[in-house]
Amino acid sequence: MLAVFGLGNPGEQYARTRHNIGFLALEQVARHAPGSWSVDAQCQARLRRTALGAQEVLLVQPLTYMNRSGATARSVTASFACAPEDLLVVLDDFLLDFGRLRFRRGGSDGGHNGLASVLEELGTTAVPRLRVGIGAPPPDVSTIDYVLSPFGPDEPADELAAQTAQAVAYCVQAGIEAAMNRYNGN
């Protein structure tokens, strides 16, 4: 089974923030796929078993808060017999222009605490991921304040979430190489 982890923070105060683009994207994926969400206390996550095309997929929204997402990754991989390379982690990236998508087969955490937690708990950097560009913070705003703030009026969050959901579905059905070829140059 493939598992798609949308990183974010639980709670209404974080729902529409830049840091929660992973959650928002999985909500978009779920709108067009069968199944329903449930809370799994052992995995500390909202889970949804579904299918994207012919591929069975587990959608995962960790409820551990961003910086402890790895605890959920460890529990899900153990409970559902998923190898780290069978995951796709969807996360925000302020180093990418708003709307730019970048798939990677593995590598460093790039300074993202949520991804760092996942890599540490799984004991490998060979975890596929989709970085979603949220744009850089203005010079007078700290990175933390920026990622935890809501999208601005000139940042179409719903369009970005829908675009990301389409990329996730494509990756699940066509594979990471095809997704890298299709999305990384745009």
Protein backbone atom coordinates (compact mmCIF):
# COMPACT_ATOMS: atom_id res chain seq x y z
CA MET A 1 0.00 0.00 0.00
CA LEU A 2 1.13 3.53 -0.70
CA ALA A 3 0.72 6.16 2.00
CA VAL A 4 0.48 9.88 1.29
CA PHE A 5 1.36 12.07 4.28
CA GLY A 6 0.09 15.62 4.15
CA LEU A 7 2.08 17.52 6.77
CA GLY A 8 0.41 20.22 8.83
CA ASN A 9 -0.81 21.16 12.27
CA PRO A 10 -4.17 20.07 13.70
CA GLY A 11 -6.64 22.65 14.95
CA GLU A 12 -8.80 25.36 13.49
CA GLN A 13 -6.22 28.09 14.15
CA TYR A 14 -3.85 26.41 11.67
CA ALA A 15 -6.39 25.17 9.12
CA ARG A 16 -5.72 27.72 6.35
CA THR A 17 -2.08 28.53 7.07
CA ARG A 18 0.80 28.11 4.65
CA HIS A 19 2.32 25.38 6.84
CA ASN A 20 -0.84 23.30 6.33
CA ILE A 21 -0.72 23.00 2.55
CA GLY A 22 -0.15 19.26 3.01
CA PHE A 23 -3.43 18.93 4.91
CA LEU A 24 -5.24 21.12 2.38
CA ALA A 25 -3.95 19.06 -0.55
CA LEU A 26 -5.10 15.79 1.01
CA GLU A 27 -8.55 17.29 1.61
CA GLN A 28 -8.67 18.00 -2.14
CA VAL A 29 -7.53 14.44 -2.96
CA ALA A 30 -10.26 13.09 -0.67
CA ARG A 31 -12.98 15.12 -2.40
CA HIS A 32 -12.49 13.11 -5.57
CA ALA A 33 -11.85 9.68 -4.05
CA PRO A 34 -14.03 7.13 -2.25
CA GLY A 35 -13.83 6.49 1.47
CA SER A 36 -14.14 8.48 4.66
CA TRP A 37 -11.78 9.88 7.27
CA SER A 38 -11.29 8.24 10.66
CA VAL A 39 -9.05 9.05 13.60
CA ASP A 40 -6.55 6.37 14.56
CA ALA A 41 -5.39 6.97 18.14
CA GLN A 42 -2.49 4.52 17.88
CA CYS A 43 -1.09 6.23 14.77
CA GLN A 44 -2.03 9.70 16.05
CA ALA A 45 -3.52 10.59 12.68
CA ARG A 46 -6.56 11.11 10.55
CA LEU A 47 -6.57 8.27 8.03
CA ARG A 48 -8.50 7.58 4.88
CA ARG A 49 -8.19 4.40 2.84
CA THR A 50 -9.06 5.11 -0.75
CA ALA A 51 -8.07 4.38 -4.33
CA LEU A 52 -6.51 6.65 -6.90
CA GLY A 53 -7.05 4.91 -10.19
CA ALA A 54 -6.18 1.25 -9.59
CA GLN A 55 -3.80 2.04 -6.72
CA GLU A 56 -4.90 1.56 -3.10
CA VAL A 57 -3.74 4.54 -1.05
CA LEU A 58 -3.75 5.54 2.59
CA LEU A 59 -4.11 9.29 3.11
CA VAL A 60 -2.53 10.43 6.38
CA GLN A 61 -2.82 13.71 8.28
CA PRO A 62 -0.62 13.49 11.40
CA LEU A 63 -2.24 14.89 14.55
CA THR A 64 1.09 15.23 16.36
CA TYR A 65 1.82 18.78 15.16
CA MET A 66 4.33 19.45 12.43
CA ASN A 67 7.58 18.99 14.34
CA ARG A 68 6.58 15.55 15.62
CA SER A 69 5.19 14.13 12.36
CA GLY A 70 7.77 11.36 12.45
CA ALA A 71 5.97 9.59 15.30
CA THR A 72 2.96 9.17 13.02
CA ALA A 73 5.16 8.07 10.11
CA ARG A 74 6.76 5.39 12.27
CA SER A 75 3.38 4.13 13.52
CA VAL A 76 1.76 4.09 10.08
CA THR A 77 4.65 2.30 8.39
CA ALA A 78 4.59 -0.35 11.14
CA SER A 79 0.80 -0.74 11.28
CA PHE A 80 0.22 -0.84 7.52
CA ALA A 81 3.47 -2.54 6.41
CA CYS A 82 4.58 0.42 4.29
CA ALA A 83 8.25 0.82 3.47
CA PRO A 84 9.66 4.38 3.63
CA GLU A 85 9.98 4.40 -0.16
CA ASP A 86 6.21 3.69 -0.37
CA LEU A 87 5.42 7.02 1.25
CA LEU A 88 4.88 10.39 -0.35
CA VAL A 89 5.28 13.30 2.06
CA VAL A 90 3.57 16.53 0.98
CA LEU A 91 4.99 19.64 2.65
CA ASP A 92 5.32 23.40 2.33
CA ASP A 93 8.55 25.04 1.15
CA PHE A 94 9.14 28.77 1.47
CA LEU A 95 12.29 28.48 -0.66
CA LEU A 96 10.15 27.71 -3.72
CA ASP A 97 8.11 30.34 -5.52
CA PHE A 98 4.40 30.24 -4.74
CA GLY A 99 2.76 27.46 -6.73
CA ARG A 100 5.94 25.66 -7.77
CA LEU A 101 5.96 21.92 -7.13
CA ARG A 102 9.06 19.79 -6.71
CA PHE A 103 9.09 16.01 -6.35
CA ARG A 104 12.15 14.29 -4.92
CA ARG A 105 12.91 10.59 -4.47
CA GLY A 106 14.79 11.33 -1.23
CA GLY A 107 17.46 13.57 0.25
CA SER A 108 17.91 15.93 3.17
CA ASP A 109 15.16 17.63 5.11
CA GLY A 110 16.16 21.01 3.65
CA GLY A 111 15.59 22.66 7.02
CA HIS A 112 11.93 21.59 7.28
CA ASN A 113 11.27 20.38 10.83
CA GLY A 114 8.31 18.19 9.90
CA LEU A 115 10.26 16.36 7.22
CA ALA A 116 13.28 16.15 9.56
CA SER A 117 11.09 14.39 12.13
CA VAL A 118 9.84 11.89 9.52
CA LEU A 119 13.35 11.12 8.26
CA GLU A 120 14.72 10.74 11.79
CA GLU A 121 11.95 8.41 12.98
CA LEU A 122 12.16 6.26 9.84
CA GLY A 123 15.95 6.21 9.94
CA THR A 124 16.39 7.01 6.26
CA THR A 125 16.49 9.91 3.82
CA ALA A 126 15.04 7.69 1.07
CA VAL A 127 11.51 9.00 1.55
CA PRO A 128 9.79 10.46 -1.53
CA ARG A 129 8.38 13.93 -1.06
CA LEU A 130 6.52 16.70 -2.82
CA ARG A 131 7.60 20.18 -1.83
CA VAL A 132 4.93 22.80 -2.44
CA GLY A 133 6.12 26.37 -2.97
CA ILE A 134 4.51 28.89 -0.64
CA GLY A 135 6.89 31.75 -1.52
CA ALA A 136 9.39 33.54 0.69
CA PRO A 137 8.45 35.63 3.71
CA PRO A 138 8.75 39.41 3.42
CA PRO A 139 12.01 40.76 4.92
CA ASP A 140 10.25 42.08 8.04
CA VAL A 141 8.47 38.78 8.89
CA SER A 142 10.12 35.81 10.59
CA THR A 143 9.95 32.46 8.84
CA ILE A 144 7.94 30.94 11.70
CA ASP A 145 5.39 33.76 11.68
CA TYR A 146 5.15 33.52 7.91
CA VAL A 147 4.49 29.79 7.64
CA LEU A 148 1.99 29.90 10.51
CA SER A 149 0.04 32.78 8.98
CA PRO A 150 -2.93 32.42 6.64
CA PHE A 151 -2.48 32.68 2.91
CA GLY A 152 -2.74 36.25 1.67
CA PRO A 153 -5.47 37.58 -0.61
CA ASP A 154 -3.14 37.36 -3.62
CA GLU A 155 -2.28 33.71 -2.85
CA PRO A 156 -4.99 31.36 -4.19
CA ALA A 157 -4.69 28.62 -1.56
CA ASP A 158 -7.57 26.55 -2.93
CA GLU A 159 -6.03 26.53 -6.41
CA LEU A 160 -2.64 25.57 -4.95
CA ALA A 161 -4.22 22.73 -2.95
CA ALA A 162 -6.08 21.50 -6.05
CA GLN A 163 -2.92 21.68 -8.19
CA THR A 164 -1.02 19.76 -5.50
CA ALA A 165 -3.79 17.14 -5.26
CA GLN A 166 -3.60 16.58 -9.02
CA ALA A 167 0.18 16.14 -8.76
CA VAL A 168 -0.24 13.65 -5.91
CA ALA A 169 -2.77 11.62 -7.90
CA TYR A 170 -0.47 11.63 -10.93
CA CYS A 171 2.50 10.49 -8.84
CA VAL A 172 0.51 7.67 -7.23
CA GLN A 173 -0.67 6.41 -10.60
CA ALA A 174 2.42 7.04 -12.78
CA GLY A 175 5.28 6.85 -10.28
CA ILE A 176 7.79 9.29 -8.83
CA GLU A 177 10.02 9.41 -11.94
CA ALA A 178 7.13 10.40 -14.19
CA ALA A 179 5.98 12.96 -11.62
CA MET A 180 9.47 14.45 -11.40
CA ASN A 181 9.62 14.72 -15.19
CA ARG A 182 6.19 16.32 -15.42
CA TYR A 183 6.28 18.77 -12.50
CA ASN A 184 9.85 19.65 -11.53
CA GLY A 185 10.59 21.77 -14.59
CA ASN A 186 7.45 23.91 -14.32
